[in-house]
Amino acid sequence: MTLETIQLLEQELRATYPSAVTALDGGRRLVSLPEVDFPKGCRPSMGGALVVLDPNAAKPEMYLSQVPVLPSGGSVSVGTVSIGGQAWQTFSFNVAWEEGKHNAIQYVEAKLARLRREA
């Protein structure tokens, strides 16, 4: 992603999530979203998320502080990574995202949409 795109995505995230906090980690921009709403029926109903904007990546990455239990009662496979000195959970779900065509909110919502589906 270009630096211009990263700045635009950060602005979009901060406008949608006013409590967002940003930090730099090497060349990556980390945007912490203290509260995102999980799809209806997930437990818990909301949680923290981290969006990583990396100039060496083709698209953003998103991690959760806790991957919720799905509405079906099932769960998705998760992994744990350390970013910015904190542990974050990741789950495998490929989101089609194209620089200049899609925005940051579309990416976040598409990732969260995976949690609506059965495990």
Protein backbone atom coordinates (compact mmCIF):
# COMPACT_ATOMS: atom_id res chain seq x y z
CA MET A 1 0.00 0.00 0.00
CA THR A 2 1.18 3.50 -0.66
CA LEU A 3 1.75 5.92 2.21
CA GLU A 4 -1.09 8.05 0.81
CA THR A 5 -3.45 5.06 1.01
CA ILE A 6 -2.30 4.28 4.55
CA GLN A 7 -3.03 7.85 5.64
CA LEU A 8 -6.47 7.73 4.02
CA LEU A 9 -7.32 4.38 5.64
CA GLU A 10 -6.22 5.67 9.04
CA GLN A 11 -8.44 8.75 8.61
CA GLU A 12 -11.41 6.54 7.68
CA LEU A 13 -10.89 4.34 10.73
CA ARG A 14 -10.53 7.32 13.08
CA ALA A 15 -13.70 8.93 11.66
CA THR A 16 -15.74 5.74 12.12
CA TYR A 17 -14.18 4.71 15.44
CA PRO A 18 -13.57 7.97 17.37
CA SER A 19 -11.82 6.12 20.21
CA ALA A 20 -9.22 4.69 17.80
CA VAL A 21 -5.59 5.03 18.89
CA THR A 22 -2.71 4.95 16.41
CA ALA A 23 0.95 4.07 16.81
CA LEU A 24 3.95 3.30 14.65
CA ASP A 25 5.66 -0.09 14.76
CA GLY A 26 8.65 0.03 12.48
CA GLY A 27 7.20 1.19 9.19
CA ARG A 28 3.73 -0.11 9.99
CA ARG A 29 0.83 2.00 11.23
CA LEU A 30 -1.14 0.29 13.99
CA VAL A 31 -4.73 1.44 14.50
CA SER A 32 -6.25 0.10 17.70
CA LEU A 33 -10.05 0.05 17.78
CA PRO A 34 -11.06 -0.39 21.44
CA GLU A 35 -14.63 -1.44 20.58
CA VAL A 36 -15.94 -3.06 17.41
CA ASP A 37 -19.37 -4.63 17.27
CA PHE A 38 -19.33 -8.32 16.47
CA PRO A 39 -22.17 -9.78 14.39
CA LYS A 40 -25.48 -10.35 16.16
CA GLY A 41 -25.44 -13.46 18.31
CA CYS A 42 -21.67 -13.52 18.93
CA ARG A 43 -20.48 -13.74 22.53
CA PRO A 44 -19.18 -11.30 23.61
CA SER A 45 -21.05 -8.81 21.44
CA MET A 46 -18.07 -6.48 21.06
CA GLY A 47 -14.34 -6.39 21.56
CA GLY A 48 -11.08 -4.75 20.61
CA ALA A 49 -9.48 -4.93 17.19
CA LEU A 50 -6.16 -3.91 15.69
CA VAL A 51 -5.80 -2.90 12.04
CA VAL A 52 -2.24 -3.05 10.71
CA LEU A 53 -1.42 -0.82 7.74
CA ASP A 54 1.88 -1.91 6.23
CA PRO A 55 3.47 -0.21 3.20
CA ASN A 56 4.98 -3.60 2.28
CA ALA A 57 1.58 -5.36 2.24
CA ALA A 58 -1.05 -5.41 -0.47
CA LYS A 59 -3.91 -4.94 2.00
CA PRO A 60 -4.58 -4.26 5.69
CA GLU A 61 -4.46 -6.96 8.34
CA MET A 62 -6.87 -7.20 11.24
CA TYR A 63 -6.55 -8.91 14.62
CA LEU A 64 -8.91 -9.19 17.57
CA SER A 65 -8.24 -9.00 21.29
CA GLN A 66 -10.61 -11.96 21.62
CA VAL A 67 -12.29 -13.93 18.86
CA PRO A 68 -15.91 -14.38 19.98
CA VAL A 69 -18.01 -17.52 20.11
CA LEU A 70 -20.08 -17.63 16.91
CA PRO A 71 -23.88 -17.30 16.92
CA SER A 72 -24.07 -21.07 16.28
CA GLY A 73 -22.09 -21.70 19.47
CA GLY A 74 -19.10 -22.82 17.42
CA SER A 75 -15.74 -21.19 17.03
CA VAL A 76 -13.22 -20.44 14.32
CA SER A 77 -9.61 -21.59 14.46
CA VAL A 78 -7.44 -18.88 15.94
CA GLY A 79 -3.79 -18.09 16.20
CA THR A 80 -2.01 -15.68 18.50
CA VAL A 81 0.55 -13.10 17.41
CA SER A 82 2.43 -10.36 19.23
CA ILE A 83 2.16 -6.91 17.66
CA GLY A 84 3.26 -3.71 19.32
CA GLY A 85 4.05 -5.62 22.49
CA GLN A 86 0.51 -7.01 22.87
CA ALA A 87 -1.01 -10.41 22.12
CA TRP A 88 -3.68 -10.43 19.40
CA GLN A 89 -5.79 -13.21 17.96
CA THR A 90 -6.07 -13.89 14.27
CA PHE A 91 -8.43 -16.09 12.31
CA SER A 92 -8.08 -17.26 8.77
CA PHE A 93 -10.42 -15.55 6.34
CA ASN A 94 -9.27 -14.08 3.05
CA VAL A 95 -10.93 -10.77 2.29
CA ALA A 96 -10.86 -9.49 -1.28
CA TRP A 97 -9.53 -5.95 -0.97
CA GLU A 98 -8.03 -3.75 -3.65
CA GLU A 99 -6.10 -0.55 -3.01
CA GLY A 100 -7.92 2.45 -4.46
CA LYS A 101 -11.13 0.45 -4.88
CA HIS A 102 -12.05 -0.51 -1.31
CA ASN A 103 -11.90 1.48 1.90
CA ALA A 104 -10.86 0.62 5.46
CA ILE A 105 -14.40 0.20 6.76
CA GLN A 106 -15.26 -2.27 3.99
CA TYR A 107 -12.22 -4.31 5.04
CA VAL A 108 -13.12 -4.33 8.75
CA GLU A 109 -16.76 -5.19 8.06
CA ALA A 110 -15.79 -7.97 5.62
CA LYS A 111 -13.44 -9.54 8.20
CA LEU A 112 -16.09 -9.35 10.91
CA ALA A 113 -18.68 -10.85 8.54
CA ARG A 114 -16.77 -14.15 8.76
CA LEU A 115 -17.99 -14.42 12.32
CA ARG A 116 -21.60 -14.69 11.08
CA ARG A 117 -20.90 -17.96 9.30
CA GLU A 118 -20.94 -21.41 10.82
CA ALA A 119 -17.64 -22.77 12.10
